[in-house]
């Protein structure tokens, strides 16, 4: 079980780091940016990466919960 959690956590970190936002660095840190650029429709690879990040996060939470119960 720990090996599965390590693999999922590495994939989750990679998926989060690969995501790009329209706000760049300033918007992520609270800098002023127009709000319209933060909300956009995800398409193609960006949408797939977004969904994969959610799935990996849920899988990591489930495996953590299962290992807690054991």
PDB file of N, CA and C in Angstrom:
ATOM      1  N   UNK A   1       0.815  -1.208   0.000  1.00  0.00           N
ATOM      2  CA  UNK A   1       0.000   0.000   0.000  1.00  0.00           C
ATOM      3  C   UNK A   1       0.857   1.271   0.000  1.00  0.00           C
ATOM      4  N   UNK A   2       1.958   1.321   0.759  1.00  0.00           N
ATOM      5  CA  UNK A   2       2.761   2.556   0.741  1.00  0.00           C
ATOM      6  C   UNK A   2       3.342   2.854  -0.646  1.00  0.00           C
ATOM      7  N   UNK A   3       3.674   1.816  -1.405  1.00  0.00           N
ATOM      8  CA  UNK A   3       4.225   2.036  -2.744  1.00  0.00           C
ATOM      9  C   UNK A   3       3.184   2.647  -3.682  1.00  0.00           C
ATOM     10  N   UNK A   4       1.945   2.232  -3.512  1.00  0.00           N
ATOM     11  CA  UNK A   4       0.863   2.803  -4.320  1.00  0.00           C
ATOM     12  C   UNK A   4       0.678   4.276  -3.971  1.00  0.00           C
ATOM     13  N   UNK A   5       0.724   4.595  -2.683  1.00  0.00           N
ATOM     14  CA  UNK A   5       0.580   5.985  -2.258  1.00  0.00           C
ATOM     15  C   UNK A   5       1.733   6.849  -2.763  1.00  0.00           C
ATOM     16  N   UNK A   6       2.934   6.314  -2.759  1.00  0.00           N
ATOM     17  CA  UNK A   6       4.085   7.063  -3.261  1.00  0.00           C
ATOM     18  C   UNK A   6       3.924   7.337  -4.753  1.00  0.00           C
ATOM     19  N   UNK A   7       3.519   6.316  -5.508  1.00  0.00           N
ATOM     20  CA  UNK A   7       3.340   6.489  -6.951  1.00  0.00           C
ATOM     21  C   UNK A   7       2.240   7.504  -7.255  1.00  0.00           C
ATOM     22  N   UNK A   8       1.121   7.411  -6.540  1.00  0.00           N
ATOM     23  CA  UNK A   8       0.014   8.352  -6.759  1.00  0.00           C
ATOM     24  C   UNK A   8       0.436   9.761  -6.372  1.00  0.00           C
ATOM     25  N   UNK A   9       1.181   9.899  -5.274  1.00  0.00           N
ATOM     26  CA  UNK A   9       1.585  11.238  -4.850  1.00  0.00           C
ATOM     27  C   UNK A   9       2.561  11.875  -5.841  1.00  0.00           C
ATOM     28  N   UNK A  10       3.465  11.094  -6.412  1.00  0.00           N
ATOM     29  CA  UNK A  10       4.390  11.627  -7.415  1.00  0.00           C
ATOM     30  C   UNK A  10       3.620  12.057  -8.664  1.00  0.00           C
ATOM     31  N   UNK A  11       2.674  11.229  -9.101  1.00  0.00           N
ATOM     32  CA  UNK A  11       1.856  11.587 -10.268  1.00  0.00           C
ATOM     33  C   UNK A  11       1.006  12.819  -9.992  1.00  0.00           C
ATOM     34  N   UNK A  12       0.496  12.934  -8.777  1.00  0.00           N
ATOM     35  CA  UNK A  12      -0.312  14.094  -8.400  1.00  0.00           C
ATOM     36  C   UNK A  12       0.522  15.369  -8.399  1.00  0.00           C
ATOM     37  N   UNK A  13       1.727  15.298  -7.889  1.00  0.00           N
ATOM     38  CA  UNK A  13       2.618  16.460  -7.896  1.00  0.00           C
ATOM     39  C   UNK A  13       2.944  16.876  -9.321  1.00  0.00           C
ATOM     40  N   UNK A  14       3.232  15.914 -10.178  1.00  0.00           N
ATOM     41  CA  UNK A  14       3.539  16.221 -11.575  1.00  0.00           C
ATOM     42  C   UNK A  14       2.341  16.853 -12.260  1.00  0.00           C
ATOM     43  N   UNK A  15       1.145  16.301 -12.019  1.00  0.00           N
ATOM     44  CA  UNK A  15      -0.064  16.835 -12.647  1.00  0.00           C
ATOM     45  C   UNK A  15      -0.341  18.268 -12.202  1.00  0.00           C
ATOM     46  N   UNK A  16      -0.131  18.562 -10.932  1.00  0.00           N
ATOM     47  CA  UNK A  16      -0.359  19.921 -10.430  1.00  0.00           C
ATOM     48  C   UNK A  16       0.665  20.883 -11.018  1.00  0.00           C
ATOM     49  N   UNK A  17       1.915  20.467 -11.085  1.00  0.00           N
ATOM     50  CA  UNK A  17       2.959  21.343 -11.609  1.00  0.00           C
ATOM     51  C   UNK A  17       2.821  21.606 -13.107  1.00  0.00           C
ATOM     52  N   UNK A  18       2.233  20.671 -13.840  1.00  0.00           N
ATOM     53  CA  UNK A  18       2.070  20.849 -15.279  1.00  0.00           C
ATOM     54  C   UNK A  18       0.924  21.792 -15.646  1.00  0.00           C
ATOM     55  N   UNK A  19       0.038  22.031 -14.709  1.00  0.00           N
ATOM     56  CA  UNK A  19      -1.095  22.900 -15.009  1.00  0.00           C
ATOM     57  C   UNK A  19      -0.645  24.345 -15.101  1.00  0.00           C
ATOM     58  N   UNK A  20      -1.210  25.052 -16.063  1.00  0.00           N
ATOM     59  CA  UNK A  20      -0.895  26.462 -16.244  1.00  0.00           C
ATOM     60  C   UNK A  20      -2.167  27.264 -16.073  1.00  0.00           C
ATOM     61  N   UNK A  21      -2.028  28.470 -15.524  1.00  0.00           N
ATOM     62  CA  UNK A  21      -3.183  29.350 -15.406  1.00  0.00           C
ATOM     63  C   UNK A  21      -2.946  30.583 -16.249  1.00  0.00           C
ATOM     64  N   UNK A  22      -4.008  31.243 -16.640  1.00  0.00           N
ATOM     65  CA  UNK A  22      -3.891  32.473 -17.393  1.00  0.00           C
ATOM     66  C   UNK A  22      -3.387  33.613 -16.540  1.00  0.00           C
ATOM     67  N   UNK A  23      -3.432  33.468 -15.221  1.00  0.00           N
ATOM     68  CA  UNK A  23      -3.037  34.543 -14.319  1.00  0.00           C
ATOM     69  C   UNK A  23      -1.529  34.635 -14.141  1.00  0.00           C
ATOM     70  N   UNK A  24      -0.783  33.640 -14.569  1.00  0.00           N
ATOM     71  CA  UNK A  24       0.666  33.587 -14.387  1.00  0.00           C
ATOM     72  C   UNK A  24       1.021  33.611 -12.909  1.00  0.00           C
ATOM     73  N   UNK A  25       2.164  34.158 -12.550  1.00  0.00           N
ATOM     74  CA  UNK A  25       2.617  34.136 -11.160  1.00  0.00           C
ATOM     75  C   UNK A  25       1.950  35.196 -10.298  1.00  0.00           C
ATOM     76  N   UNK A  26       1.730  36.385 -10.832  1.00  0.00           N
ATOM     77  CA  UNK A  26       1.183  37.481 -10.040  1.00  0.00           C
ATOM     78  C   UNK A  26      -0.208  37.181  -9.519  1.00  0.00           C
ATOM     79  N   UNK A  27      -1.061  36.603 -10.330  1.00  0.00           N
ATOM     80  CA  UNK A  27      -2.413  36.286  -9.895  1.00  0.00           C
ATOM     81  C   UNK A  27      -2.452  35.171  -8.875  1.00  0.00           C
ATOM     82  N   UNK A  28      -1.501  34.254  -8.961  1.00  0.00           N
ATOM     83  CA  UNK A  28      -1.468  33.150  -8.015  1.00  0.00           C
ATOM     84  C   UNK A  28      -1.065  33.630  -6.621  1.00  0.00           C
ATOM     85  N   UNK A  29      -0.316  34.717  -6.570  1.00  0.00           N
ATOM     86  CA  UNK A  29       0.154  35.222  -5.284  1.00  0.00           C
ATOM     87  C   UNK A  29      -0.655  36.409  -4.792  1.00  0.00           C
ATOM     88  N   UNK A  30      -1.795  36.655  -5.400  1.00  0.00           N
ATOM     89  CA  UNK A  30      -2.652  37.736  -4.944  1.00  0.00           C
ATOM     90  C   UNK A  30      -2.422  39.053  -5.655  1.00  0.00           C
ATOM     91  N   UNK A  31      -1.633  39.036  -6.697  1.00  0.00           N
ATOM     92  CA  UNK A  31      -1.381  40.266  -7.452  1.00  0.00           C
ATOM     93  C   UNK A  31      -2.609  40.686  -8.231  1.00  0.00           C
ATOM     94  N   UNK A  32      -2.615  41.924  -8.673  1.00  0.00           N
ATOM     95  CA  UNK A  32      -3.783  42.411  -9.405  1.00  0.00           C
ATOM     96  C   UNK A  32      -3.745  41.895 -10.838  1.00  0.00           C
ATOM     97  N   UNK A  33      -4.825  41.346 -11.257  1.00  0.00           N
ATOM     98  CA  UNK A  33      -4.983  40.821 -12.607  1.00  0.00           C
ATOM     99  C   UNK A  33      -6.458  40.915 -12.946  1.00  0.00           C
ATOM    100  N   UNK A  34      -6.775  41.046 -14.215  1.00  0.00           N
ATOM    101  CA  UNK A  34      -8.198  41.117 -14.535  1.00  0.00           C
ATOM    102  C   UNK A  34      -8.843  39.758 -14.284  1.00  0.00           C
ATOM    103  N   UNK A  35     -10.014  39.786 -13.699  1.00  0.00           N
ATOM    104  CA  UNK A  35     -10.661  38.554 -13.255  1.00  0.00           C
ATOM    105  C   UNK A  35     -11.133  37.691 -14.416  1.00  0.00           C
ATOM    106  N   UNK A  36     -11.292  38.253 -15.588  1.00  0.00           N
ATOM    107  CA  UNK A  36     -11.757  37.476 -16.727  1.00  0.00           C
ATOM    108  C   UNK A  36     -10.780  36.415 -17.173  1.00  0.00           C
ATOM    109  N   UNK A  37      -9.487  36.628 -16.936  1.00  0.00           N
ATOM    110  CA  UNK A  37      -8.495  35.658 -17.380  1.00  0.00           C
ATOM    111  C   UNK A  37      -8.426  34.441 -16.462  1.00  0.00           C
ATOM    112  N   UNK A  38      -8.941  34.539 -15.262  1.00  0.00           N
ATOM    113  CA  UNK A  38      -8.877  33.419 -14.328  1.00  0.00           C
ATOM    114  C   UNK A  38      -9.943  32.366 -14.638  1.00  0.00           C
ATOM    115  N   UNK A  39     -10.983  32.741 -15.317  1.00  0.00           N
ATOM    116  CA  UNK A  39     -12.073  31.827 -15.619  1.00  0.00           C
ATOM    117  C   UNK A  39     -12.130  31.609 -17.123  1.00  0.00           C
ATOM    118  N   UNK A  40     -11.807  30.403 -17.536  1.00  0.00           N
ATOM    119  CA  UNK A  40     -11.866  30.091 -18.965  1.00  0.00           C
ATOM    120  C   UNK A  40     -12.237  28.626 -19.127  1.00  0.00           C
ATOM    121  N   UNK A  41     -12.650  28.285 -20.314  1.00  0.00           N
ATOM    122  CA  UNK A  41     -13.042  26.912 -20.611  1.00  0.00           C
ATOM    123  C   UNK A  41     -11.800  26.085 -20.881  1.00  0.00           C
ATOM    124  N   UNK A  42     -11.707  24.948 -20.201  1.00  0.00           N
ATOM    125  CA  UNK A  42     -10.579  24.046 -20.431  1.00  0.00           C
ATOM    126  C   UNK A  42     -10.901  23.168 -21.623  1.00  0.00           C
ATOM    127  N   UNK A  43      -9.903  22.991 -22.485  1.00  0.00           N
ATOM    128  CA  UNK A  43     -10.094  22.160 -23.673  1.00  0.00           C
ATOM    129  C   UNK A  43      -8.871  21.294 -23.889  1.00  0.00           C
ATOM    130  N   UNK A  44      -9.087  20.162 -24.519  1.00  0.00           N
ATOM    131  CA  UNK A  44      -7.993  19.299 -24.931  1.00  0.00           C
ATOM    132  C   UNK A  44      -7.175  18.757 -23.771  1.00  0.00           C
ATOM    133  N   UNK A  45      -5.852  18.910 -23.906  1.00  0.00           N
ATOM    134  CA  UNK A  45      -4.932  18.375 -22.916  1.00  0.00           C
ATOM    135  C   UNK A  45      -5.109  19.032 -21.558  1.00  0.00           C
ATOM    136  N   UNK A  46      -5.434  20.321 -21.544  1.00  0.00           N
ATOM    137  CA  UNK A  46      -5.634  21.032 -20.282  1.00  0.00           C
ATOM    138  C   UNK A  46      -6.807  20.435 -19.499  1.00  0.00           C
ATOM    139  N   UNK A  47      -7.877  20.088 -20.193  1.00  0.00           N
ATOM    140  CA  UNK A  47      -9.042  19.481 -19.541  1.00  0.00           C
ATOM    141  C   UNK A  47      -8.704  18.081 -19.028  1.00  0.00           C
ATOM    142  N   UNK A  48      -7.970  17.319 -19.835  1.00  0.00           N
ATOM    143  CA  UNK A  48      -7.575  15.969 -19.434  1.00  0.00           C
ATOM    144  C   UNK A  48      -6.682  16.013 -18.204  1.00  0.00           C
ATOM    145  N   UNK A  49      -5.743  16.953 -18.180  1.00  0.00           N
ATOM    146  CA  UNK A  49      -4.849  17.101 -17.043  1.00  0.00           C
ATOM    147  C   UNK A  49      -5.611  17.538 -15.796  1.00  0.00           C
ATOM    148  N   UNK A  50      -6.598  18.404 -15.961  1.00  0.00           N
ATOM    149  CA  UNK A  50      -7.427  18.855 -14.844  1.00  0.00           C
ATOM    150  C   UNK A  50      -8.210  17.694 -14.239  1.00  0.00           C
ATOM    151  N   UNK A  51      -8.832  16.891 -15.099  1.00  0.00           N
ATOM    152  CA  UNK A  51      -9.604  15.738 -14.627  1.00  0.00           C
ATOM    153  C   UNK A  51      -8.684  14.700 -13.989  1.00  0.00           C
ATOM    154  N   UNK A  52      -7.505  14.486 -14.574  1.00  0.00           N
ATOM    155  CA  UNK A  52      -6.552  13.529 -14.010  1.00  0.00           C
ATOM    156  C   UNK A  52      -6.087  13.970 -12.630  1.00  0.00           C
ATOM    157  N   UNK A  53      -5.915  15.278 -12.436  1.00  0.00           N
ATOM    158  CA  UNK A  53      -5.514  15.793 -11.130  1.00  0.00           C
ATOM    159  C   UNK A  53      -6.584  15.508 -10.083  1.00  0.00           C
ATOM    160  N   UNK A  54      -7.841  15.709 -10.457  1.00  0.00           N
ATOM    161  CA  UNK A  54      -8.946  15.423  -9.535  1.00  0.00           C
ATOM    162  C   UNK A  54      -8.997  13.937  -9.201  1.00  0.00           C
ATOM    163  N   UNK A  55      -8.877  13.096 -10.218  1.00  0.00           N
ATOM    164  CA  UNK A  55      -8.926  11.646 -10.004  1.00  0.00           C
ATOM    165  C   UNK A  55      -7.766  11.196  -9.125  1.00  0.00           C
ATOM    166  N   UNK A  56      -6.564  11.697  -9.391  1.00  0.00           N
ATOM    167  CA  UNK A  56      -5.411  11.323  -8.574  1.00  0.00           C
ATOM    168  C   UNK A  56      -5.565  11.795  -7.128  1.00  0.00           C
ATOM    169  N   UNK A  57      -6.140  12.980  -6.947  1.00  0.00           N
ATOM    170  CA  UNK A  57      -6.379  13.478  -5.594  1.00  0.00           C
ATOM    171  C   UNK A  57      -7.357  12.606  -4.831  1.00  0.00           C
ATOM    172  N   UNK A  58      -8.413  12.185  -5.505  1.00  0.00           N
ATOM    173  CA  UNK A  58      -9.407  11.305  -4.865  1.00  0.00           C
ATOM    174  C   UNK A  58      -8.790   9.944  -4.562  1.00  0.00           C
ATOM    175  N   UNK A  59      -8.025   9.403  -5.510  1.00  0.00           N
ATOM    176  CA  UNK A  59      -7.363   8.114  -5.271  1.00  0.00           C
ATOM    177  C   UNK A  59      -6.391   8.191  -4.101  1.00  0.00           C
ATOM    178  N   UNK A  60      -5.637   9.285  -4.022  1.00  0.00           N
ATOM    179  CA  UNK A  60      -4.702   9.443  -2.910  1.00  0.00           C
ATOM    180  C   UNK A  60      -5.447   9.516  -1.584  1.00  0.00           C
ATOM    181  N   UNK A  61      -6.557  10.253  -1.557  1.00  0.00           N
ATOM    182  CA  UNK A  61      -7.349  10.355  -0.330  1.00  0.00           C
ATOM    183  C   UNK A  61      -7.927   8.992   0.058  1.00  0.00           C
ATOM    184  N   UNK A  62      -8.420   8.245  -0.924  1.00  0.00           N
ATOM    185  CA  UNK A  62      -8.978   6.916  -0.629  1.00  0.00           C
ATOM    186  C   UNK A  62      -7.918   5.949  -0.128  1.00  0.00           C
ATOM    187  N   UNK A  63      -6.752   5.928  -0.765  1.00  0.00           N
ATOM    188  CA  UNK A  63      -5.707   5.030  -0.298  1.00  0.00           C
ATOM    189  C   UNK A  63      -5.197   5.415   1.079  1.00  0.00           C
ATOM    190  N   UNK A  64      -5.169   6.720   1.358  1.00  0.00           N
ATOM    191  CA  UNK A  64      -4.769   7.165   2.698  1.00  0.00           C
ATOM    192  C   UNK A  64      -5.779   6.724   3.740  1.00  0.00           C
ATOM    193  N   UNK A  65      -7.056   6.851   3.404  1.00  0.00           N
ATOM    194  CA  UNK A  65      -8.107   6.437   4.323  1.00  0.00           C
ATOM    195  C   UNK A  65      -8.079   4.923   4.554  1.00  0.00           C
ATOM    196  N   UNK A  66      -7.866   4.149   3.494  1.00  0.00           N
ATOM    197  CA  UNK A  66      -7.805   2.693   3.631  1.00  0.00           C
ATOM    198  C   UNK A  66      -6.613   2.284   4.486  1.00  0.00           C
ATOM    199  N   UNK A  67      -5.468   2.931   4.290  1.00  0.00           N
ATOM    200  CA  UNK A  67      -4.294   2.586   5.105  1.00  0.00           C
ATOM    201  C   UNK A  67      -4.477   3.014   6.554  1.00  0.00           C
ATOM    202  N   UNK A  68      -5.287   4.044   6.781  1.00  0.00           N
ATOM    203  CA  UNK A  68      -5.582   4.489   8.152  1.00  0.00           C
ATOM    204  C   UNK A  68      -6.435   3.456   8.872  1.00  0.00           C
ATOM    205  N   UNK A  69      -7.369   2.850   8.164  1.00  0.00           N
ATOM    206  CA  UNK A  69      -8.273   1.861   8.750  1.00  0.00           C
ATOM    207  C   UNK A  69      -7.530   0.559   9.074  1.00  0.00           C
ATOM    208  N   UNK A  70      -6.568   0.187   8.245  1.00  0.00           N
ATOM    209  CA  UNK A  70      -5.859  -1.079   8.432  1.00  0.00           C
ATOM    210  C   UNK A  70      -5.079  -1.116   9.675  1.00  0.00           C
TER     211      UNK A  70
END
